[in-house]
PDB file of N, CA and C in Angstrom:
ATOM      1  N   MET A   1     -19.011  10.014  13.310  1.00  0.00           N
ATOM      2  CA  MET A   1     -18.831  11.242  12.559  1.00  0.00           C
ATOM      3  C   MET A   1     -19.466  11.056  11.185  1.00  0.00           C
ATOM      4  N   THR A   2     -20.274  11.986  10.798  1.00  0.00           N
ATOM      5  CA  THR A   2     -20.941  11.920   9.507  1.00  0.00           C
ATOM      6  C   THR A   2     -20.343  12.962   8.575  1.00  0.00           C
ATOM      7  N   LEU A   3     -19.906  12.505   7.426  1.00  0.00           N
ATOM      8  CA  LEU A   3     -19.340  13.406   6.435  1.00  0.00           C
ATOM      9  C   LEU A   3     -20.439  13.956   5.535  1.00  0.00           C
ATOM     10  N   THR A   4     -20.297  15.195   5.163  1.00  0.00           N
ATOM     11  CA  THR A   4     -21.250  15.803   4.246  1.00  0.00           C
ATOM     12  C   THR A   4     -20.777  15.606   2.811  1.00  0.00           C
ATOM     13  N   ARG A   5     -21.649  15.922   1.904  1.00  0.00           N
ATOM     14  CA  ARG A   5     -21.324  15.831   0.483  1.00  0.00           C
ATOM     15  C   ARG A   5     -20.108  16.713   0.174  1.00  0.00           C
ATOM     16  N   ARG A   6     -20.069  17.886   0.765  1.00  0.00           N
ATOM     17  CA  ARG A   6     -18.965  18.832   0.548  1.00  0.00           C
ATOM     18  C   ARG A   6     -17.650  18.259   1.086  1.00  0.00           C
ATOM     19  N   ASP A   7     -17.711  17.570   2.235  1.00  0.00           N
ATOM     20  CA  ASP A   7     -16.509  16.937   2.790  1.00  0.00           C
ATOM     21  C   ASP A   7     -15.941  15.921   1.809  1.00  0.00           C
ATOM     22  N   VAL A   8     -16.822  15.099   1.259  1.00  0.00           N
ATOM     23  CA  VAL A   8     -16.377  14.063   0.323  1.00  0.00           C
ATOM     24  C   VAL A   8     -15.809  14.702  -0.945  1.00  0.00           C
ATOM     25  N   GLU A   9     -16.419  15.768  -1.413  1.00  0.00           N
ATOM     26  CA  GLU A   9     -15.899  16.469  -2.591  1.00  0.00           C
ATOM     27  C   GLU A   9     -14.500  17.014  -2.321  1.00  0.00           C
ATOM     28  N   ASN A  10     -14.282  17.574  -1.121  1.00  0.00           N
ATOM     29  CA  ASN A  10     -12.960  18.090  -0.761  1.00  0.00           C
ATOM     30  C   ASN A  10     -11.930  16.968  -0.670  1.00  0.00           C
ATOM     31  N   ILE A  11     -12.307  15.859  -0.063  1.00  0.00           N
ATOM     32  CA  ILE A  11     -11.407  14.712   0.046  1.00  0.00           C
ATOM     33  C   ILE A  11     -11.054  14.197  -1.342  1.00  0.00           C
ATOM     34  N   ALA A  12     -12.043  14.084  -2.202  1.00  0.00           N
ATOM     35  CA  ALA A  12     -11.805  13.608  -3.563  1.00  0.00           C
ATOM     36  C   ALA A  12     -10.876  14.557  -4.309  1.00  0.00           C
ATOM     37  N   HIS A  13     -11.065  15.854  -4.107  1.00  0.00           N
ATOM     38  CA  HIS A  13     -10.191  16.830  -4.757  1.00  0.00           C
ATOM     39  C   HIS A  13      -8.750  16.679  -4.273  1.00  0.00           C
ATOM     40  N   LEU A  14      -8.565  16.569  -2.963  1.00  0.00           N
ATOM     41  CA  LEU A  14      -7.220  16.420  -2.406  1.00  0.00           C
ATOM     42  C   LEU A  14      -6.546  15.131  -2.857  1.00  0.00           C
ATOM     43  N   ALA A  15      -7.335  14.067  -3.007  1.00  0.00           N
ATOM     44  CA  ALA A  15      -6.793  12.776  -3.425  1.00  0.00           C
ATOM     45  C   ALA A  15      -6.735  12.644  -4.940  1.00  0.00           C
ATOM     46  N   ARG A  16      -7.159  13.677  -5.641  1.00  0.00           N
ATOM     47  CA  ARG A  16      -7.179  13.674  -7.105  1.00  0.00           C
ATOM     48  C   ARG A  16      -8.009  12.519  -7.650  1.00  0.00           C
ATOM     49  N   LEU A  17      -9.194  12.332  -7.035  1.00  0.00           N
ATOM     50  CA  LEU A  17     -10.122  11.294  -7.461  1.00  0.00           C
ATOM     51  C   LEU A  17     -11.302  11.940  -8.174  1.00  0.00           C
ATOM     52  N   ARG A  18     -11.757  11.301  -9.213  1.00  0.00           N
ATOM     53  CA  ARG A  18     -12.944  11.782  -9.915  1.00  0.00           C
ATOM     54  C   ARG A  18     -14.120  10.922  -9.456  1.00  0.00           C
ATOM     55  N   ILE A  19     -15.026  11.534  -8.715  1.00  0.00           N
ATOM     56  CA  ILE A  19     -16.199  10.832  -8.198  1.00  0.00           C
ATOM     57  C   ILE A  19     -17.429  11.464  -8.822  1.00  0.00           C
ATOM     58  N   SER A  20     -18.270  10.627  -9.408  1.00  0.00           N
ATOM     59  CA  SER A  20     -19.472  11.150 -10.060  1.00  0.00           C
ATOM     60  C   SER A  20     -20.508  11.555  -9.002  1.00  0.00           C
ATOM     61  N   GLU A  21     -21.474  12.331  -9.427  1.00  0.00           N
ATOM     62  CA  GLU A  21     -22.549  12.778  -8.531  1.00  0.00           C
ATOM     63  C   GLU A  21     -23.305  11.588  -7.940  1.00  0.00           C
ATOM     64  N   ALA A  22     -23.480  10.540  -8.733  1.00  0.00           N
ATOM     65  CA  ALA A  22     -24.216   9.361  -8.271  1.00  0.00           C
ATOM     66  C   ALA A  22     -23.440   8.588  -7.203  1.00  0.00           C
ATOM     67  N   GLU A  23     -22.113   8.674  -7.250  1.00  0.00           N
ATOM     68  CA  GLU A  23     -21.281   7.931  -6.299  1.00  0.00           C
ATOM     69  C   GLU A  23     -21.083   8.666  -4.975  1.00  0.00           C
ATOM     70  N   LEU A  24     -21.288   9.958  -4.952  1.00  0.00           N
ATOM     71  CA  LEU A  24     -21.026  10.754  -3.746  1.00  0.00           C
ATOM     72  C   LEU A  24     -21.740  10.244  -2.496  1.00  0.00           C
ATOM     73  N   PRO A  25     -23.051   9.924  -2.551  1.00  0.00           N
ATOM     74  CA  PRO A  25     -23.701   9.432  -1.325  1.00  0.00           C
ATOM     75  C   PRO A  25     -23.087   8.132  -0.795  1.00  0.00           C
ATOM     76  N   ALA A  26     -22.705   7.236  -1.679  1.00  0.00           N
ATOM     77  CA  ALA A  26     -22.102   5.970  -1.243  1.00  0.00           C
ATOM     78  C   ALA A  26     -20.751   6.226  -0.584  1.00  0.00           C
ATOM     79  N   TYR A  27     -19.963   7.107  -1.177  1.00  0.00           N
ATOM     80  CA  TYR A  27     -18.665   7.441  -0.583  1.00  0.00           C
ATOM     81  C   TYR A  27     -18.843   8.115   0.768  1.00  0.00           C
ATOM     82  N   ALA A  28     -19.783   9.022   0.861  1.00  0.00           N
ATOM     83  CA  ALA A  28     -20.033   9.708   2.131  1.00  0.00           C
ATOM     84  C   ALA A  28     -20.428   8.698   3.204  1.00  0.00           C
ATOM     85  N   ASN A  29     -21.286   7.766   2.862  1.00  0.00           N
ATOM     86  CA  ASN A  29     -21.728   6.746   3.806  1.00  0.00           C
ATOM     87  C   ASN A  29     -20.563   5.858   4.243  1.00  0.00           C
ATOM     88  N   ASN A  30     -19.797   5.357   3.271  1.00  0.00           N
ATOM     89  CA  ASN A  30     -18.697   4.449   3.596  1.00  0.00           C
ATOM     90  C   ASN A  30     -17.612   5.135   4.411  1.00  0.00           C
ATOM     91  N   LEU A  31     -17.230   6.350   4.018  1.00  0.00           N
ATOM     92  CA  LEU A  31     -16.207   7.066   4.776  1.00  0.00           C
ATOM     93  C   LEU A  31     -16.695   7.412   6.182  1.00  0.00           C
ATOM     94  N   SER A  32     -17.960   7.755   6.322  1.00  0.00           N
ATOM     95  CA  SER A  32     -18.522   8.040   7.648  1.00  0.00           C
ATOM     96  C   SER A  32     -18.483   6.803   8.527  1.00  0.00           C
ATOM     97  N   ARG A  33     -18.788   5.644   7.950  1.00  0.00           N
ATOM     98  CA  ARG A  33     -18.741   4.392   8.723  1.00  0.00           C
ATOM     99  C   ARG A  33     -17.311   4.072   9.154  1.00  0.00           C
ATOM    100  N   ILE A  34     -16.345   4.319   8.275  1.00  0.00           N
ATOM    101  CA  ILE A  34     -14.939   4.072   8.622  1.00  0.00           C
ATOM    102  C   ILE A  34     -14.518   4.988   9.768  1.00  0.00           C
ATOM    103  N   LEU A  35     -14.851   6.270   9.668  1.00  0.00           N
ATOM    104  CA  LEU A  35     -14.495   7.206  10.742  1.00  0.00           C
ATOM    105  C   LEU A  35     -15.205   6.857  12.042  1.00  0.00           C
ATOM    106  N   GLY A  36     -16.432   6.379  11.944  1.00  0.00           N
ATOM    107  CA  GLY A  36     -17.151   5.936  13.139  1.00  0.00           C
ATOM    108  C   GLY A  36     -16.460   4.757  13.803  1.00  0.00           C
ATOM    109  N   PHE A  37     -15.933   3.848  12.982  1.00  0.00           N
ATOM    110  CA  PHE A  37     -15.210   2.700  13.523  1.00  0.00           C
ATOM    111  C   PHE A  37     -13.917   3.152  14.198  1.00  0.00           C
ATOM    112  N   VAL A  38     -13.231   4.122  13.613  1.00  0.00           N
ATOM    113  CA  VAL A  38     -12.014   4.657  14.225  1.00  0.00           C
ATOM    114  C   VAL A  38     -12.340   5.309  15.561  1.00  0.00           C
ATOM    115  N   GLU A  39     -13.443   6.042  15.640  1.00  0.00           N
ATOM    116  CA  GLU A  39     -13.864   6.642  16.909  1.00  0.00           C
ATOM    117  C   GLU A  39     -14.161   5.567  17.948  1.00  0.00           C
ATOM    118  N   GLN A  40     -14.771   4.478  17.502  1.00  0.00           N
ATOM    119  CA  GLN A  40     -15.085   3.366  18.405  1.00  0.00           C
ATOM    120  C   GLN A  40     -13.786   2.748  18.934  1.00  0.00           C
ATOM    121  N   LEU A  41     -12.790   2.587  18.078  1.00  0.00           N
ATOM    122  CA  LEU A  41     -11.504   2.050  18.517  1.00  0.00           C
ATOM    123  C   LEU A  41     -10.813   3.004  19.487  1.00  0.00           C
ATOM    124  N   ALA A  42     -10.904   4.301  19.221  1.00  0.00           N
ATOM    125  CA  ALA A  42     -10.273   5.292  20.085  1.00  0.00           C
ATOM    126  C   ALA A  42     -10.906   5.308  21.469  1.00  0.00           C
ATOM    127  N   ALA A  43     -12.158   4.900  21.580  1.00  0.00           N
ATOM    128  CA  ALA A  43     -12.848   4.905  22.863  1.00  0.00           C
ATOM    129  C   ALA A  43     -12.460   3.716  23.740  1.00  0.00           C
ATOM    130  N   ALA A  44     -11.775   2.736  23.182  1.00  0.00           N
ATOM    131  CA  ALA A  44     -11.387   1.551  23.952  1.00  0.00           C
ATOM    132  C   ALA A  44     -10.373   1.932  25.033  1.00  0.00           C
ATOM    133  N   ASP A  45     -10.540   1.342  26.235  1.00  0.00           N
ATOM    134  CA  ASP A  45      -9.643   1.612  27.349  1.00  0.00           C
ATOM    135  C   ASP A  45      -8.349   0.832  27.145  1.00  0.00           C
ATOM    136  N   THR A  46      -7.266   1.537  26.893  1.00  0.00           N
ATOM    137  CA  THR A  46      -5.969   0.890  26.687  1.00  0.00           C
ATOM    138  C   THR A  46      -4.961   1.292  27.758  1.00  0.00           C
ATOM    139  N   ALA A  47      -5.452   1.774  28.885  1.00  0.00           N
ATOM    140  CA  ALA A  47      -4.564   2.261  29.950  1.00  0.00           C
ATOM    141  C   ALA A  47      -3.650   1.169  30.482  1.00  0.00           C
ATOM    142  N   GLY A  48      -4.138  -0.049  30.597  1.00  0.00           N
ATOM    143  CA  GLY A  48      -3.331  -1.117  31.170  1.00  0.00           C
ATOM    144  C   GLY A  48      -2.619  -1.968  30.135  1.00  0.00           C
ATOM    145  N   VAL A  49      -2.646  -1.565  28.898  1.00  0.00           N
ATOM    146  CA  VAL A  49      -2.035  -2.353  27.829  1.00  0.00           C
ATOM    147  C   VAL A  49      -0.619  -1.862  27.572  1.00  0.00           C
ATOM    148  N   VAL A  50       0.325  -2.780  27.638  1.00  0.00           N
ATOM    149  CA  VAL A  50       1.722  -2.437  27.391  1.00  0.00           C
ATOM    150  C   VAL A  50       1.963  -2.457  25.874  1.00  0.00           C
ATOM    151  N   PRO A  51       2.543  -1.393  25.317  1.00  0.00           N
ATOM    152  CA  PRO A  51       2.811  -1.382  23.881  1.00  0.00           C
ATOM    153  C   PRO A  51       3.776  -2.503  23.493  1.00  0.00           C
ATOM    154  N   MET A  52       3.537  -3.069  22.337  1.00  0.00           N
ATOM    155  CA  MET A  52       4.389  -4.155  21.853  1.00  0.00           C
ATOM    156  C   MET A  52       5.310  -3.630  20.762  1.00  0.00           C
ATOM    157  N   ALA A  53       6.543  -4.110  20.772  1.00  0.00           N
ATOM    158  CA  ALA A  53       7.478  -3.750  19.713  1.00  0.00           C
ATOM    159  C   ALA A  53       7.317  -4.694  18.536  1.00  0.00           C
ATOM    160  N   HIS A  54       6.757  -5.873  18.794  1.00  0.00           N
ATOM    161  CA  HIS A  54       6.609  -6.884  17.752  1.00  0.00           C
ATOM    162  C   HIS A  54       5.423  -7.766  18.114  1.00  0.00           C
ATOM    163  N   PRO A  55       4.586  -8.147  17.167  1.00  0.00           N
ATOM    164  CA  PRO A  55       3.414  -8.959  17.502  1.00  0.00           C
ATOM    165  C   PRO A  55       3.760 -10.365  17.983  1.00  0.00           C
ATOM    166  N   LEU A  56       4.963 -10.842  17.702  1.00  0.00           N
ATOM    167  CA  LEU A  56       5.357 -12.183  18.135  1.00  0.00           C
ATOM    168  C   LEU A  56       6.369 -12.114  19.280  1.00  0.00           C
ATOM    169  N   GLU A  57       6.259 -11.076  20.092  1.00  0.00           N
ATOM    170  CA  GLU A  57       7.208 -10.897  21.187  1.00  0.00           C
ATOM    171  C   GLU A  57       7.178 -12.115  22.112  1.00  0.00           C
ATOM    172  N   GLY A  58       8.363 -12.599  22.432  1.00  0.00           N
ATOM    173  CA  GLY A  58       8.468 -13.767  23.299  1.00  0.00           C
ATOM    174  C   GLY A  58       8.378 -15.073  22.544  1.00  0.00           C
ATOM    175  N   GLU A  59       8.091 -15.038  21.277  1.00  0.00           N
ATOM    176  CA  GLU A  59       8.017 -16.246  20.462  1.00  0.00           C
ATOM    177  C   GLU A  59       9.133 -16.210  19.425  1.00  0.00           C
ATOM    178  N   VAL A  60       9.507 -17.374  18.970  1.00  0.00           N
ATOM    179  CA  VAL A  60      10.534 -17.467  17.942  1.00  0.00           C
ATOM    180  C   VAL A  60       9.843 -17.675  16.610  1.00  0.00           C
ATOM    181  N   GLN A  61      10.159 -16.823  15.682  1.00  0.00           N
ATOM    182  CA  GLN A  61       9.564 -16.943  14.359  1.00  0.00           C
ATOM    183  C   GLN A  61      10.429 -17.875  13.517  1.00  0.00           C
ATOM    184  N   ARG A  62       9.780 -18.882  12.952  1.00  0.00           N
ATOM    185  CA  ARG A  62      10.521 -19.823  12.112  1.00  0.00           C
ATOM    186  C   ARG A  62      10.919 -19.135  10.822  1.00  0.00           C
ATOM    187  N   LEU A  63      12.171 -19.283  10.468  1.00  0.00           N
ATOM    188  CA  LEU A  63      12.675 -18.699   9.238  1.00  0.00           C
ATOM    189  C   LEU A  63      13.125 -19.808   8.308  1.00  0.00           C
ATOM    190  N   ARG A  64      12.953 -19.576   7.023  1.00  0.00           N
ATOM    191  CA  ARG A  64      13.412 -20.572   6.060  1.00  0.00           C
ATOM    192  C   ARG A  64      14.915 -20.460   5.904  1.00  0.00           C
ATOM    193  N   ALA A  65      15.522 -21.515   5.440  1.00  0.00           N
ATOM    194  CA  ALA A  65      16.964 -21.503   5.225  1.00  0.00           C
ATOM    195  C   ALA A  65      17.303 -20.553   4.083  1.00  0.00           C
ATOM    196  N   ASP A  66      18.402 -19.846   4.224  1.00  0.00           N
ATOM    197  CA  ASP A  66      18.844 -18.908   3.201  1.00  0.00           C
ATOM    198  C   ASP A  66      19.639 -19.672   2.152  1.00  0.00           C
ATOM    199  N   VAL A  67      18.900 -20.283   1.229  1.00  0.00           N
ATOM    200  CA  VAL A  67      19.508 -21.136   0.216  1.00  0.00           C
ATOM    201  C   VAL A  67      19.111 -20.628  -1.162  1.00  0.00           C
ATOM    202  N   VAL A  68      20.064 -20.615  -2.099  1.00  0.00           N
ATOM    203  CA  VAL A  68      19.771 -20.220  -3.475  1.00  0.00           C
ATOM    204  C   VAL A  68      18.923 -21.313  -4.100  1.00  0.00           C
ATOM    205  N   THR A  69      17.757 -20.920  -4.634  1.00  0.00           N
ATOM    206  CA  THR A  69      16.861 -21.906  -5.229  1.00  0.00           C
ATOM    207  C   THR A  69      16.728 -21.759  -6.736  1.00  0.00           C
ATOM    208  N   GLU A  70      17.234 -20.647  -7.283  1.00  0.00           N
ATOM    209  CA  GLU A  70      17.164 -20.439  -8.722  1.00  0.00           C
ATOM    210  C   GLU A  70      18.558 -20.217  -9.275  1.00  0.00           C
ATOM    211  N   THR A  71      18.753 -20.678 -10.499  1.00  0.00           N
ATOM    212  CA  THR A  71      20.045 -20.495 -11.138  1.00  0.00           C
ATOM    213  C   THR A  71      20.096 -19.123 -11.809  1.00  0.00           C
ATOM    214  N   ASP A  72      21.300 -18.656 -12.106  1.00  0.00           N
ATOM    215  CA  ASP A  72      21.490 -17.366 -12.765  1.00  0.00           C
ATOM    216  C   ASP A  72      21.102 -17.502 -14.234  1.00  0.00           C
ATOM    217  N   ARG A  73      20.090 -16.766 -14.655  1.00  0.00           N
ATOM    218  CA  ARG A  73      19.614 -16.807 -16.043  1.00  0.00           C
ATOM    219  C   ARG A  73      19.837 -15.463 -16.734  1.00  0.00           C
ATOM    220  N   HIS A  74      20.802 -14.722 -16.246  1.00  0.00           N
ATOM    221  CA  HIS A  74      21.085 -13.384 -16.749  1.00  0.00           C
ATOM    222  C   HIS A  74      21.297 -13.389 -18.266  1.00  0.00           C
ATOM    223  N   GLU A  75      22.165 -14.264 -18.744  1.00  0.00           N
ATOM    224  CA  GLU A  75      22.458 -14.317 -20.185  1.00  0.00           C
ATOM    225  C   GLU A  75      21.229 -14.719 -20.989  1.00  0.00           C
ATOM    226  N   ARG A  76      20.461 -15.629 -20.478  1.00  0.00           N
ATOM    227  CA  ARG A  76      19.255 -16.077 -21.191  1.00  0.00           C
ATOM    228  C   ARG A  76      18.251 -14.927 -21.332  1.00  0.00           C
ATOM    229  N   TYR A  77      18.073 -14.150 -20.269  1.00  0.00           N
ATOM    230  CA  TYR A  77      17.136 -13.037 -20.314  1.00  0.00           C
ATOM    231  C   TYR A  77      17.631 -11.947 -21.261  1.00  0.00           C
ATOM    232  N   GLN A  78      18.938 -11.741 -21.307  1.00  0.00           N
ATOM    233  CA  GLN A  78      19.467 -10.697 -22.169  1.00  0.00           C
ATOM    234  C   GLN A  78      19.387 -11.062 -23.654  1.00  0.00           C
ATOM    235  N   GLN A  79      19.196 -12.316 -23.957  1.00  0.00           N
ATOM    236  CA  GLN A  79      19.026 -12.726 -25.356  1.00  0.00           C
ATOM    237  C   GLN A  79      17.751 -12.116 -25.940  1.00  0.00           C
ATOM    238  N   ASN A  80      16.780 -11.839 -25.106  1.00  0.00           N
ATOM    239  CA  ASN A  80      15.515 -11.253 -25.564  1.00  0.00           C
ATOM    240  C   ASN A  80      15.577  -9.732 -25.686  1.00  0.00           C
ATOM    241  N   ALA A  81      16.598  -9.122 -25.115  1.00  0.00           N
ATOM    242  CA  ALA A  81      16.700  -7.663 -25.119  1.00  0.00           C
ATOM    243  C   ALA A  81      17.149  -7.167 -26.495  1.00  0.00           C
ATOM    244  N   PRO A  82      16.607  -6.024 -26.932  1.00  0.00           N
ATOM    245  CA  PRO A  82      17.008  -5.495 -28.233  1.00  0.00           C
ATOM    246  C   PRO A  82      18.455  -4.998 -28.257  1.00  0.00           C
ATOM    247  N   ALA A  83      18.974  -4.507 -27.112  1.00  0.00           N
ATOM    248  CA  ALA A  83      20.352  -4.006 -27.079  1.00  0.00           C
ATOM    249  C   ALA A  83      20.972  -4.266 -25.712  1.00  0.00           C
ATOM    250  N   VAL A  84      22.162  -4.889 -25.729  1.00  0.00           N
ATOM    251  CA  VAL A  84      22.884  -5.219 -24.502  1.00  0.00           C
ATOM    252  C   VAL A  84      24.349  -4.872 -24.720  1.00  0.00           C
ATOM    253  N   GLU A  85      24.973  -4.347 -23.671  1.00  0.00           N
ATOM    254  CA  GLU A  85      26.409  -4.066 -23.752  1.00  0.00           C
ATOM    255  C   GLU A  85      27.020  -4.245 -22.377  1.00  0.00           C
ATOM    256  N   ALA A  86      28.081  -5.029 -22.304  1.00  0.00           N
ATOM    257  CA  ALA A  86      28.813  -5.287 -21.055  1.00  0.00           C
ATOM    258  C   ALA A  86      27.887  -5.805 -19.967  1.00  0.00           C
ATOM    259  N   GLY A  87      26.911  -6.641 -20.322  1.00  0.00           N
ATOM    260  CA  GLY A  87      26.002  -7.231 -19.360  1.00  0.00           C
ATOM    261  C   GLY A  87      24.880  -6.316 -18.901  1.00  0.00           C
ATOM    262  N   LEU A  88      24.743  -5.144 -19.535  1.00  0.00           N
ATOM    263  CA  LEU A  88      23.719  -4.188 -19.152  1.00  0.00           C
ATOM    264  C   LEU A  88      22.717  -4.021 -20.292  1.00  0.00           C
ATOM    265  N   TYR A  89      21.471  -3.750 -19.942  1.00  0.00           N
ATOM    266  CA  TYR A  89      20.439  -3.480 -20.932  1.00  0.00           C
ATOM    267  C   TYR A  89      20.580  -2.037 -21.390  1.00  0.00           C
ATOM    268  N   LEU A  90      20.597  -1.831 -22.692  1.00  0.00           N
ATOM    269  CA  LEU A  90      20.653  -0.481 -23.245  1.00  0.00           C
ATOM    270  C   LEU A  90      19.237  -0.060 -23.603  1.00  0.00           C
ATOM    271  N   VAL A  91      18.866   1.142 -23.161  1.00  0.00           N
ATOM    272  CA  VAL A  91      17.529   1.664 -23.434  1.00  0.00           C
ATOM    273  C   VAL A  91      17.650   3.020 -24.100  1.00  0.00           C
ATOM    274  N   PRO A  92      16.656   3.397 -24.899  1.00  0.00           N
ATOM    275  CA  PRO A  92      16.726   4.699 -25.565  1.00  0.00           C
ATOM    276  C   PRO A  92      16.672   5.842 -24.557  1.00  0.00           C
ATOM    277  N   LYS A  93      17.345   6.917 -24.873  1.00  0.00           N
ATOM    278  CA  LYS A  93      17.348   8.104 -24.028  1.00  0.00           C
ATOM    279  C   LYS A  93      15.997   8.769 -24.139  1.00  0.00           C
ATOM    280  N   VAL A  94      15.344   9.037 -23.001  1.00  0.00           N
ATOM    281  CA  VAL A  94      14.022   9.662 -23.016  1.00  0.00           C
ATOM    282  C   VAL A  94      14.020  11.040 -22.355  1.00  0.00           C
ATOM    283  N   ILE A  95      15.075  11.369 -21.646  1.00  0.00           N
ATOM    284  CA  ILE A  95      15.173  12.666 -20.990  1.00  0.00           C
ATOM    285  C   ILE A  95      16.397  13.375 -21.542  1.00  0.00           C
ATOM    286  N   GLU A  96      16.210  14.596 -21.958  1.00  0.00           N
ATOM    287  CA  GLU A  96      17.347  15.344 -22.512  1.00  0.00           C
ATOM    288  C   GLU A  96      18.019  16.174 -21.452  1.00  0.00           C
TER     289      GLU A  96
END
């Protein structure tokens, strides 16, 4: 699928992207190549492929031990804060 300059301008508008006139041909080319690759993937015969719920199905994934590795530094971090009360950071009101 080949995208036109107008297609790329519409996509850029919808995505709120500012693309210069000089960049438009490169974007059109790259997006067209991506869509072409998607079309190529869609053409692959997947009739005999069973969908997988997990890429490691049938295998056991090694997990690390759930161990605390860092100490609580809450008080140390709050020493740097301009205002703290009852263990909470106080911030200026910005919304009325």
